[in-house]
Amino acid sequence: MASTKPITTASLKEQKKNGEKIVMLTAYDYPSAKIAEEAGVDMILVGDSLGMVVLGYDSTIPVTLDDMIHHTKAVTRGASRAFVVTDLPFLTYHGTIEETLRNAGRIMQEGLAKAVKIEGGAELAPLIRRCTQAGIPVVGHIGLTPQSVHQLGGYKVQGKTPEAAQKLLDDAKALEEAGVFALVMECVPEQLATLISKQLSIPTIGIGAGVGCDGQVLVYHDILGYGGGHVPKFVKRYGEAGAIIHQAIAQYAHEVRTRAFPAAEHTFTIKEEVIEQLYGEGVKQ
């Protein structure tokens, strides 16, 4: 039975210290957030992956700040215990520090998220330091950073060469020093992700980064088989909700067309004399 006590940055760090794995899952609306929390997840990520799995884009790049705030509002209405983190979308933290603070502030004030997630390495240290000074908790994100997918040349595993591996380790340490309270590592070789996790005092959350991370995150729709086509190697399906939904809708459509629905038990009636008073005896014809 999951605790009802709200998750905090301090309790997440304590989980790492105690060797307790952290469970993170994406959610983009009220019902998915409510189910995720009731099922016992520790953290909910309102990821800009909603661009692909909810809005139908082919990448996260078209997602706007208003999109993220809209979905965060729905998620935070459905989750009171889980720690809700929202992605800052493409180009909302690459201008001035003041603009970034304003954008992150909107996510927290309007969306009621408890933290923001920012993709990038050591180059973001001054920005992250300023956010934390302003009271905005930040989750870092290194490895495969989807907002930079075109620059990276596609969705590829990162850190496979000695130079690239050292860069990820340096980035992780720089982000921790700058003040991130947790770090997502995406599509990073397991050995490297384990090494980084051991060298940091903050929790690491892996997605395609192996079991050596302090926690794991996956996309709600991926683990449930709900929508979408391609399933990444690092995803495990825990259900086939899409097939169940498809079957239910197909059955509904069939019953409407064959007049099996609505049946008597789904229908309201009134006394015949009421109809006669409204339309006269001719209505029976």
Protein backbone atom coordinates (compact mmCIF):
# COMPACT_ATOMS: atom_id res chain seq x y z
CA MET A 1 0.00 0.00 0.00
CA ALA A 2 1.51 3.31 -1.09
CA SER A 3 1.87 6.06 1.50
CA THR A 4 -0.54 8.98 1.30
CA LYS A 5 2.15 11.40 2.42
CA PRO A 6 3.07 13.84 -0.40
CA ILE A 7 6.37 13.16 -2.17
CA THR A 8 8.97 15.94 -1.86
CA THR A 9 12.47 16.63 -3.18
CA ALA A 10 13.78 15.64 0.25
CA SER A 11 11.88 12.33 0.33
CA LEU A 12 13.12 11.49 -3.19
CA LYS A 13 16.70 12.03 -2.08
CA GLU A 14 16.00 9.85 0.97
CA GLN A 15 14.74 7.09 -1.33
CA LYS A 16 18.07 7.11 -3.14
CA LYS A 17 19.94 7.04 0.15
CA ASN A 18 17.89 4.05 1.31
CA GLY A 19 18.19 2.21 -2.00
CA GLU A 20 14.45 2.46 -2.68
CA LYS A 21 13.67 2.65 -6.39
CA ILE A 22 11.73 5.71 -7.59
CA VAL A 23 8.77 5.14 -9.91
CA MET A 24 8.04 7.89 -12.44
CA LEU A 25 5.39 7.80 -15.16
CA THR A 26 4.17 10.36 -17.66
CA ALA A 27 0.59 11.61 -17.56
CA TYR A 28 -1.11 14.26 -19.64
CA ASP A 29 -4.63 14.57 -18.24
CA TYR A 30 -6.77 14.22 -15.13
CA PRO A 31 -7.84 10.55 -15.43
CA SER A 32 -4.35 9.25 -16.26
CA ALA A 33 -2.82 11.24 -13.38
CA LYS A 34 -5.48 9.98 -10.97
CA ILE A 35 -4.93 6.36 -11.99
CA ALA A 36 -1.14 6.72 -11.83
CA GLU A 37 -1.28 8.17 -8.34
CA GLU A 38 -3.74 5.56 -7.09
CA ALA A 39 -1.44 2.86 -8.51
CA GLY A 40 1.42 4.19 -6.38
CA VAL A 41 3.83 6.10 -8.63
CA ASP A 42 6.17 8.53 -6.87
CA MET A 43 6.59 11.09 -9.64
CA ILE A 44 4.44 12.15 -12.58
CA LEU A 45 6.09 13.77 -15.57
CA VAL A 46 4.00 16.02 -17.77
CA GLY A 47 6.38 15.46 -20.63
CA ASP A 48 6.53 17.35 -23.89
CA SER A 49 6.22 13.84 -25.35
CA LEU A 50 2.53 14.75 -25.23
CA GLY A 51 3.23 16.36 -28.58
CA MET A 52 3.58 12.92 -30.13
CA VAL A 53 1.36 10.67 -28.01
CA VAL A 54 -1.54 13.08 -27.45
CA LEU A 55 -1.33 15.87 -30.04
CA GLY A 56 -0.13 13.78 -33.00
CA TYR A 57 3.08 15.64 -33.90
CA ASP A 58 6.12 13.75 -35.18
CA SER A 59 8.42 15.27 -32.53
CA THR A 60 8.30 17.35 -29.35
CA ILE A 61 9.44 20.51 -31.12
CA PRO A 62 5.98 22.00 -31.99
CA VAL A 63 4.79 21.81 -28.36
CA THR A 64 4.18 25.24 -26.82
CA LEU A 65 4.37 26.57 -23.28
CA ASP A 66 0.58 27.01 -23.29
CA ASP A 67 0.20 23.34 -24.28
CA MET A 68 2.31 22.31 -21.29
CA ILE A 69 0.44 24.54 -18.87
CA HIS A 70 -2.93 23.31 -20.12
CA HIS A 71 -2.02 19.66 -19.57
CA THR A 72 -0.25 20.34 -16.27
CA LYS A 73 -3.41 21.92 -14.89
CA ALA A 74 -5.32 18.73 -15.66
CA VAL A 75 -2.64 16.49 -14.17
CA THR A 76 -2.31 18.41 -10.91
CA ARG A 77 -6.07 18.22 -10.42
CA GLY A 78 -5.73 14.43 -10.48
CA ALA A 79 -2.62 14.06 -8.34
CA SER A 80 -2.13 15.34 -4.80
CA ARG A 81 0.52 12.94 -3.46
CA ALA A 82 2.79 12.27 -6.45
CA PHE A 83 5.50 14.82 -7.26
CA VAL A 84 4.51 16.49 -10.55
CA VAL A 85 7.29 17.66 -12.87
CA THR A 86 6.64 19.49 -16.16
CA ASP A 87 8.94 19.83 -19.16
CA LEU A 88 9.93 23.28 -20.32
CA PRO A 89 9.29 22.90 -24.06
CA PHE A 90 11.48 23.79 -27.02
CA LEU A 91 12.99 27.31 -27.02
CA THR A 92 11.37 28.37 -23.73
CA TYR A 93 14.67 28.38 -21.83
CA HIS A 94 17.17 29.37 -24.52
CA GLY A 95 16.65 33.13 -24.37
CA THR A 96 17.43 35.30 -21.39
CA ILE A 97 17.40 34.04 -17.81
CA GLU A 98 14.52 36.41 -17.11
CA GLU A 99 12.44 34.83 -19.89
CA THR A 100 13.21 31.36 -18.58
CA LEU A 101 12.22 32.32 -15.04
CA ARG A 102 8.97 33.78 -16.35
CA ASN A 103 8.18 30.62 -18.33
CA ALA A 104 9.06 28.27 -15.49
CA GLY A 105 7.11 30.46 -13.11
CA ARG A 106 3.99 30.16 -15.25
CA ILE A 107 4.23 26.36 -15.17
CA MET A 108 4.37 26.42 -11.37
CA GLN A 109 1.88 29.22 -10.73
CA GLU A 110 -0.71 28.38 -13.39
CA GLY A 111 -0.13 24.65 -13.78
CA LEU A 112 0.72 24.02 -10.10
CA ALA A 113 3.64 21.76 -11.00
CA LYS A 114 6.19 21.22 -8.23
CA ALA A 115 9.21 21.38 -10.53
CA VAL A 116 10.32 21.83 -14.14
CA LYS A 117 12.54 19.61 -16.28
CA ILE A 118 15.15 21.07 -18.61
CA GLU A 119 17.10 19.21 -21.31
CA GLY A 120 20.82 19.87 -21.66
CA GLY A 121 24.25 19.65 -20.10
CA ALA A 122 26.80 21.82 -18.36
CA GLU A 123 25.99 24.82 -20.56
CA LEU A 124 22.73 25.16 -18.61
CA ALA A 125 24.43 25.39 -15.19
CA PRO A 126 24.08 29.21 -14.82
CA LEU A 127 20.41 29.02 -15.79
CA ILE A 128 19.66 26.16 -13.41
CA ARG A 129 21.48 27.91 -10.60
CA ARG A 130 19.33 31.00 -11.11
CA CYS A 131 16.11 28.97 -11.20
CA THR A 132 16.92 27.22 -7.94
CA GLN A 133 17.83 30.55 -6.37
CA ALA A 134 14.37 31.77 -7.37
CA GLY A 135 12.76 28.77 -5.66
CA ILE A 136 12.07 26.74 -8.80
CA PRO A 137 13.10 23.08 -8.37
CA VAL A 138 14.72 21.68 -11.51
CA VAL A 139 15.14 18.16 -12.89
CA GLY A 140 17.99 17.79 -15.39
CA HIS A 141 17.89 15.64 -18.52
CA ILE A 142 20.94 14.31 -20.37
CA GLY A 143 21.70 11.63 -22.94
CA LEU A 144 19.13 11.54 -25.72
CA THR A 145 17.42 14.92 -25.48
CA PRO A 146 14.37 14.79 -27.79
CA GLN A 147 14.21 18.56 -28.30
CA SER A 148 17.65 18.27 -29.95
CA VAL A 149 16.79 15.20 -32.00
CA HIS A 150 17.61 16.84 -35.33
CA GLN A 151 20.95 18.08 -34.05
CA LEU A 152 21.74 14.62 -32.64
CA GLY A 153 20.88 12.98 -35.96
CA GLY A 154 17.93 10.97 -34.72
CA TYR A 155 16.84 8.93 -31.72
CA LYS A 156 20.15 7.22 -30.94
CA VAL A 157 21.89 5.86 -27.85
CA GLN A 158 24.26 8.49 -26.43
CA GLY A 159 27.63 8.17 -24.68
CA LYS A 160 29.01 5.16 -26.57
CA THR A 161 32.51 6.54 -27.17
CA PRO A 162 35.02 7.41 -24.41
CA GLU A 163 34.73 11.10 -25.25
CA ALA A 164 30.93 11.07 -25.31
CA ALA A 165 30.78 9.07 -22.08
CA GLN A 166 33.10 11.51 -20.33
CA LYS A 167 30.97 14.41 -21.57
CA LEU A 168 27.83 12.89 -20.04
CA LEU A 169 29.61 12.28 -16.73
CA ASP A 170 30.90 15.87 -16.70
CA ASP A 171 27.44 17.18 -17.58
CA ALA A 172 25.82 15.17 -14.78
CA LYS A 173 28.26 16.50 -12.19
CA ALA A 174 27.86 20.07 -13.45
CA LEU A 175 24.08 19.87 -13.28
CA GLU A 176 24.18 18.47 -9.75
CA GLU A 177 26.53 21.25 -8.69
CA ALA A 178 24.20 23.81 -10.30
CA GLY A 179 21.32 22.60 -8.16
CA VAL A 180 19.15 20.03 -9.97
CA PHE A 181 17.50 17.75 -7.42
CA ALA A 182 17.17 14.82 -9.84
CA LEU A 183 18.53 13.81 -13.24
CA VAL A 184 16.84 11.95 -16.10
CA MET A 185 19.18 9.90 -18.31
CA GLU A 186 17.70 8.77 -21.60
CA CYS A 187 19.14 6.16 -23.96
CA VAL A 188 22.47 5.89 -22.12
CA PRO A 189 24.43 2.59 -21.94
CA GLU A 190 23.66 0.77 -18.70
CA GLN A 191 27.25 0.67 -17.46
CA LEU A 192 27.68 4.42 -17.92
CA ALA A 193 24.31 5.25 -16.34
CA THR A 194 25.18 3.06 -13.33
CA LEU A 195 28.55 4.79 -12.95
CA ILE A 196 26.96 8.24 -13.09
CA SER A 197 24.27 7.22 -10.60
CA LYS A 198 26.90 6.08 -8.11
CA GLN A 199 28.86 9.32 -8.41
CA LEU A 200 25.88 11.61 -7.80
CA SER A 201 24.13 12.29 -4.51
CA ILE A 202 20.91 13.20 -6.29
CA PRO A 203 18.46 10.57 -7.67
CA THR A 204 18.85 9.48 -11.28
CA ILE A 205 15.82 8.44 -13.32
CA GLY A 206 16.49 6.21 -16.28
CA ILE A 207 14.62 5.67 -19.52
CA GLY A 208 16.51 3.23 -21.66
CA ALA A 209 19.44 3.54 -19.24
CA GLY A 210 19.33 0.23 -17.38
CA VAL A 211 18.53 -0.95 -13.87
CA GLY A 212 21.45 0.85 -12.22
CA CYS A 213 19.57 4.17 -12.08
CA ASP A 214 17.79 5.17 -8.88
CA GLY A 215 14.43 5.11 -10.63
CA GLN A 216 12.69 4.60 -13.95
CA VAL A 217 10.32 6.59 -16.13
CA LEU A 218 8.18 5.40 -19.04
CA VAL A 219 5.36 6.89 -21.08
CA TYR A 220 1.82 6.09 -19.91
CA HIS A 221 0.60 5.23 -23.41
CA ASP A 222 3.62 3.02 -24.14
CA ILE A 223 3.25 0.72 -21.15
CA LEU A 224 -0.50 0.40 -21.75
CA GLY A 225 -0.39 -0.21 -25.50
CA TYR A 226 -2.67 2.80 -25.96
CA GLY A 227 -2.23 4.53 -29.33
CA GLY A 228 1.02 4.97 -31.21
CA GLY A 229 2.88 2.51 -33.38
CA HIS A 230 6.62 2.07 -32.86
CA VAL A 231 7.60 0.70 -29.45
CA PRO A 232 11.18 1.57 -28.39
CA LYS A 233 13.45 -1.25 -27.19
CA PHE A 234 13.46 0.09 -23.63
CA VAL A 235 9.67 -0.06 -23.27
CA LYS A 236 7.87 -2.97 -21.64
CA ARG A 237 4.17 -3.37 -22.31
CA TYR A 238 2.17 -4.03 -19.14
CA GLY A 239 -1.25 -4.02 -20.77
CA GLU A 240 -3.11 -3.74 -24.07
CA ALA A 241 -5.57 -0.96 -23.30
CA GLY A 242 -5.67 0.10 -26.94
CA ALA A 243 -7.03 -3.27 -28.03
CA ILE A 244 -9.66 -3.24 -25.28
CA ILE A 245 -10.76 0.28 -26.20
CA HIS A 246 -10.89 -0.59 -29.91
CA GLN A 247 -13.02 -3.64 -29.21
CA ALA A 248 -15.41 -1.68 -27.00
CA ILE A 249 -15.90 1.11 -29.55
CA ALA A 250 -16.36 -1.36 -32.39
CA GLN A 251 -19.02 -3.19 -30.37
CA TYR A 252 -20.76 0.11 -29.60
CA ALA A 253 -20.78 1.07 -33.28
CA HIS A 254 -22.16 -2.34 -34.25
CA GLU A 255 -24.97 -2.16 -31.67
CA VAL A 256 -25.99 1.33 -32.74
CA ARG A 257 -26.18 0.29 -36.39
CA THR A 258 -28.13 -2.88 -35.59
CA ARG A 259 -30.45 -1.03 -33.17
CA ALA A 260 -29.33 -3.23 -30.26
CA PHE A 261 -28.39 -0.05 -28.37
CA PRO A 262 -30.05 1.70 -26.67
CA ALA A 263 -32.11 -1.13 -25.18
CA ALA A 264 -35.04 -0.75 -22.80
CA GLU A 265 -32.76 -0.61 -19.73
CA HIS A 266 -30.97 2.44 -21.19
CA THR A 267 -34.17 4.33 -22.04
CA PHE A 268 -36.47 6.70 -20.14
CA THR A 269 -40.24 6.65 -20.63
CA ILE A 270 -43.32 8.63 -19.59
CA LYS A 271 -46.96 7.70 -19.43
CA GLU A 272 -48.76 7.40 -22.75
CA GLU A 273 -51.41 9.93 -21.75
CA VAL A 274 -48.74 12.62 -21.43
CA ILE A 275 -47.74 12.08 -25.03
CA GLU A 276 -51.40 12.17 -26.06
CA GLN A 277 -51.86 15.51 -24.33
CA LEU A 278 -48.83 16.93 -26.12
CA TYR A 279 -49.47 15.62 -29.63
CA GLY A 280 -52.96 14.22 -29.65
CA GLU A 281 -54.23 10.76 -30.53
CA GLY A 282 -52.51 10.94 -33.89
CA VAL A 283 -49.14 10.31 -32.34
CA LYS A 284 -50.00 6.62 -31.97
CA GLN A 285 -50.14 6.35 -35.72
